[in-house]
Amino acid sequence: MNYSNATFGGFVQACVAKAKKEYEEKGSEMQKLKKRVTELEETVKRIDELENKIKELEK
């Protein structure tokens, strides 16, 4: 009985470690995606500004 409890405990620890690693990796990916979205939003804002300047120059 002690052997099976020890094995189960090790199994649970391994599962927790794996889940934590996957969570951290996904968190890292989310941070990268959020940063990229912010960069793209800034690019779109800049394009809008340039389009407005072009429209004003065409008047």
N, C-alpha and C. Protein backbone atom coordinates (compact mmCIF):
# COMPACT_ATOMS: atom_id res chain seq x y z
N MET A 1 0.82 -1.20 0.00
CA MET A 1 0.00 0.00 0.00
C MET A 1 0.86 1.26 0.00
N ASN A 2 1.93 1.26 0.76
CA ASN A 2 2.81 2.43 0.76
C ASN A 2 3.41 2.67 -0.62
N TYR A 3 3.75 1.57 -1.29
CA TYR A 3 4.36 1.71 -2.62
C TYR A 3 3.38 2.38 -3.58
N SER A 4 2.12 1.94 -3.56
CA SER A 4 1.15 2.52 -4.49
C SER A 4 0.87 3.99 -4.16
N ASN A 5 0.86 4.34 -2.89
CA ASN A 5 0.66 5.73 -2.51
C ASN A 5 1.82 6.59 -2.98
N ALA A 6 3.02 6.08 -2.84
CA ALA A 6 4.20 6.83 -3.28
C ALA A 6 4.18 7.01 -4.80
N THR A 7 3.79 5.97 -5.51
CA THR A 7 3.73 6.03 -6.96
C THR A 7 2.67 7.04 -7.39
N PHE A 8 1.52 6.99 -6.74
CA PHE A 8 0.44 7.92 -7.08
C PHE A 8 0.85 9.36 -6.80
N GLY A 9 1.53 9.57 -5.66
CA GLY A 9 2.01 10.92 -5.32
C GLY A 9 2.97 11.44 -6.38
N GLY A 10 3.86 10.57 -6.83
CA GLY A 10 4.80 10.98 -7.88
C GLY A 10 4.08 11.30 -9.17
N PHE A 11 3.06 10.50 -9.48
CA PHE A 11 2.26 10.72 -10.69
C PHE A 11 1.56 12.08 -10.62
N VAL A 12 0.97 12.38 -9.46
CA VAL A 12 0.27 13.66 -9.29
C VAL A 12 1.25 14.81 -9.43
N GLN A 13 2.41 14.69 -8.81
CA GLN A 13 3.41 15.77 -8.91
C GLN A 13 3.84 15.97 -10.36
N ALA A 14 4.02 14.88 -11.10
CA ALA A 14 4.41 14.99 -12.51
C ALA A 14 3.31 15.67 -13.31
N CYS A 15 2.05 15.33 -13.05
CA CYS A 15 0.93 15.96 -13.76
C CYS A 15 0.86 17.45 -13.45
N VAL A 16 1.05 17.81 -12.19
CA VAL A 16 1.01 19.21 -11.79
C VAL A 16 2.15 19.97 -12.47
N ALA A 17 3.33 19.39 -12.48
CA ALA A 17 4.49 20.03 -13.10
C ALA A 17 4.25 20.24 -14.60
N LYS A 18 3.69 19.23 -15.24
CA LYS A 18 3.41 19.33 -16.67
C LYS A 18 2.37 20.42 -16.95
N ALA A 19 1.31 20.44 -16.16
CA ALA A 19 0.26 21.44 -16.34
C ALA A 19 0.81 22.85 -16.11
N LYS A 20 1.66 23.00 -15.11
CA LYS A 20 2.25 24.31 -14.81
C LYS A 20 3.12 24.76 -15.98
N LYS A 21 3.92 23.85 -16.52
CA LYS A 21 4.79 24.19 -17.65
C LYS A 21 3.96 24.62 -18.86
N GLU A 22 2.90 23.86 -19.16
CA GLU A 22 2.03 24.20 -20.29
C GLU A 22 1.38 25.56 -20.07
N TYR A 23 0.93 25.82 -18.85
CA TYR A 23 0.29 27.10 -18.53
C TYR A 23 1.28 28.25 -18.74
N GLU A 24 2.51 28.07 -18.27
CA GLU A 24 3.52 29.12 -18.43
C GLU A 24 3.85 29.34 -19.90
N GLU A 25 3.93 28.27 -20.68
CA GLU A 25 4.21 28.42 -22.11
C GLU A 25 3.08 29.16 -22.81
N LYS A 26 1.85 28.83 -22.48
CA LYS A 26 0.71 29.51 -23.08
C LYS A 26 0.68 30.97 -22.66
N GLY A 27 1.04 31.24 -21.41
CA GLY A 27 1.10 32.61 -20.92
C GLY A 27 2.12 33.42 -21.71
N SER A 28 3.25 32.79 -21.99
CA SER A 28 4.29 33.44 -22.78
C SER A 28 3.79 33.74 -24.19
N GLU A 29 3.08 32.77 -24.78
CA GLU A 29 2.53 32.98 -26.12
C GLU A 29 1.51 34.11 -26.11
N MET A 30 0.68 34.16 -25.07
CA MET A 30 -0.33 35.21 -24.97
C MET A 30 0.33 36.58 -24.85
N GLN A 31 1.41 36.66 -24.09
CA GLN A 31 2.12 37.93 -23.96
C GLN A 31 2.65 38.39 -25.32
N LYS A 32 3.23 37.45 -26.08
CA LYS A 32 3.74 37.78 -27.41
C LYS A 32 2.62 38.25 -28.32
N LEU A 33 1.47 37.56 -28.26
CA LEU A 33 0.33 37.93 -29.10
C LEU A 33 -0.21 39.30 -28.71
N LYS A 34 -0.30 39.56 -27.42
CA LYS A 34 -0.79 40.87 -26.97
C LYS A 34 0.14 41.98 -27.44
N LYS A 35 1.43 41.73 -27.36
CA LYS A 35 2.41 42.72 -27.82
C LYS A 35 2.25 42.95 -29.32
N ARG A 36 2.07 41.89 -30.08
CA ARG A 36 1.91 42.00 -31.53
C ARG A 36 0.63 42.75 -31.88
N VAL A 37 -0.45 42.46 -31.16
CA VAL A 37 -1.72 43.17 -31.40
C VAL A 37 -1.53 44.66 -31.14
N THR A 38 -0.84 45.00 -30.07
CA THR A 38 -0.59 46.41 -29.75
C THR A 38 0.21 47.06 -30.87
N GLU A 39 1.23 46.37 -31.37
CA GLU A 39 2.03 46.91 -32.48
C GLU A 39 1.17 47.13 -33.72
N LEU A 40 0.31 46.17 -34.01
CA LEU A 40 -0.56 46.30 -35.19
C LEU A 40 -1.56 47.44 -35.02
N GLU A 41 -2.09 47.60 -33.81
CA GLU A 41 -3.02 48.71 -33.56
C GLU A 41 -2.32 50.04 -33.78
N GLU A 42 -1.07 50.16 -33.34
CA GLU A 42 -0.32 51.39 -33.55
C GLU A 42 -0.07 51.64 -35.03
N THR A 43 0.21 50.57 -35.78
CA THR A 43 0.43 50.69 -37.22
C THR A 43 -0.84 51.17 -37.91
N VAL A 44 -1.97 50.60 -37.53
CA VAL A 44 -3.25 51.01 -38.13
C VAL A 44 -3.52 52.48 -37.81
N LYS A 45 -3.25 52.88 -36.59
CA LYS A 45 -3.46 54.28 -36.20
C LYS A 45 -2.58 55.20 -37.05
N ARG A 46 -1.35 54.81 -37.27
CA ARG A 46 -0.43 55.60 -38.09
C ARG A 46 -0.92 55.67 -39.54
N ILE A 47 -1.41 54.57 -40.07
CA ILE A 47 -1.95 54.55 -41.43
C ILE A 47 -3.13 55.51 -41.52
N ASP A 48 -4.02 55.48 -40.53
CA ASP A 48 -5.17 56.38 -40.52
C ASP A 48 -4.71 57.84 -40.53
N GLU A 49 -3.71 58.14 -39.72
CA GLU A 49 -3.18 59.51 -39.68
C GLU A 49 -2.64 59.93 -41.04
N LEU A 50 -1.90 59.03 -41.69
CA LEU A 50 -1.34 59.35 -43.00
C LEU A 50 -2.43 59.51 -44.05
N GLU A 51 -3.46 58.68 -43.98
CA GLU A 51 -4.58 58.81 -44.93
C GLU A 51 -5.27 60.15 -44.75
N ASN A 52 -5.44 60.57 -43.51
CA ASN A 52 -6.06 61.87 -43.25
C ASN A 52 -5.21 63.01 -43.81
N LYS A 53 -3.89 62.91 -43.67
CA LYS A 53 -3.01 63.94 -44.21
C LYS A 53 -3.11 63.99 -45.72
N ILE A 54 -3.18 62.82 -46.36
CA ILE A 54 -3.30 62.76 -47.82
C ILE A 54 -4.60 63.43 -48.26
N LYS A 55 -5.69 63.12 -47.56
CA LYS A 55 -6.99 63.72 -47.89
C LYS A 55 -6.92 65.25 -47.77
N GLU A 56 -6.25 65.74 -46.74
CA GLU A 56 -6.14 67.18 -46.55
C GLU A 56 -5.31 67.81 -47.65
N LEU A 57 -4.25 67.13 -48.07
CA LEU A 57 -3.41 67.66 -49.14
C LEU A 57 -4.13 67.66 -50.49
N GLU A 58 -5.05 66.74 -50.66
CA GLU A 58 -5.80 66.66 -51.92
C GLU A 58 -6.84 67.76 -52.05
N LYS A 59 -7.21 68.39 -50.94
CA LYS A 59 -8.24 69.44 -50.97
C LYS A 59 -7.78 70.66 -51.73
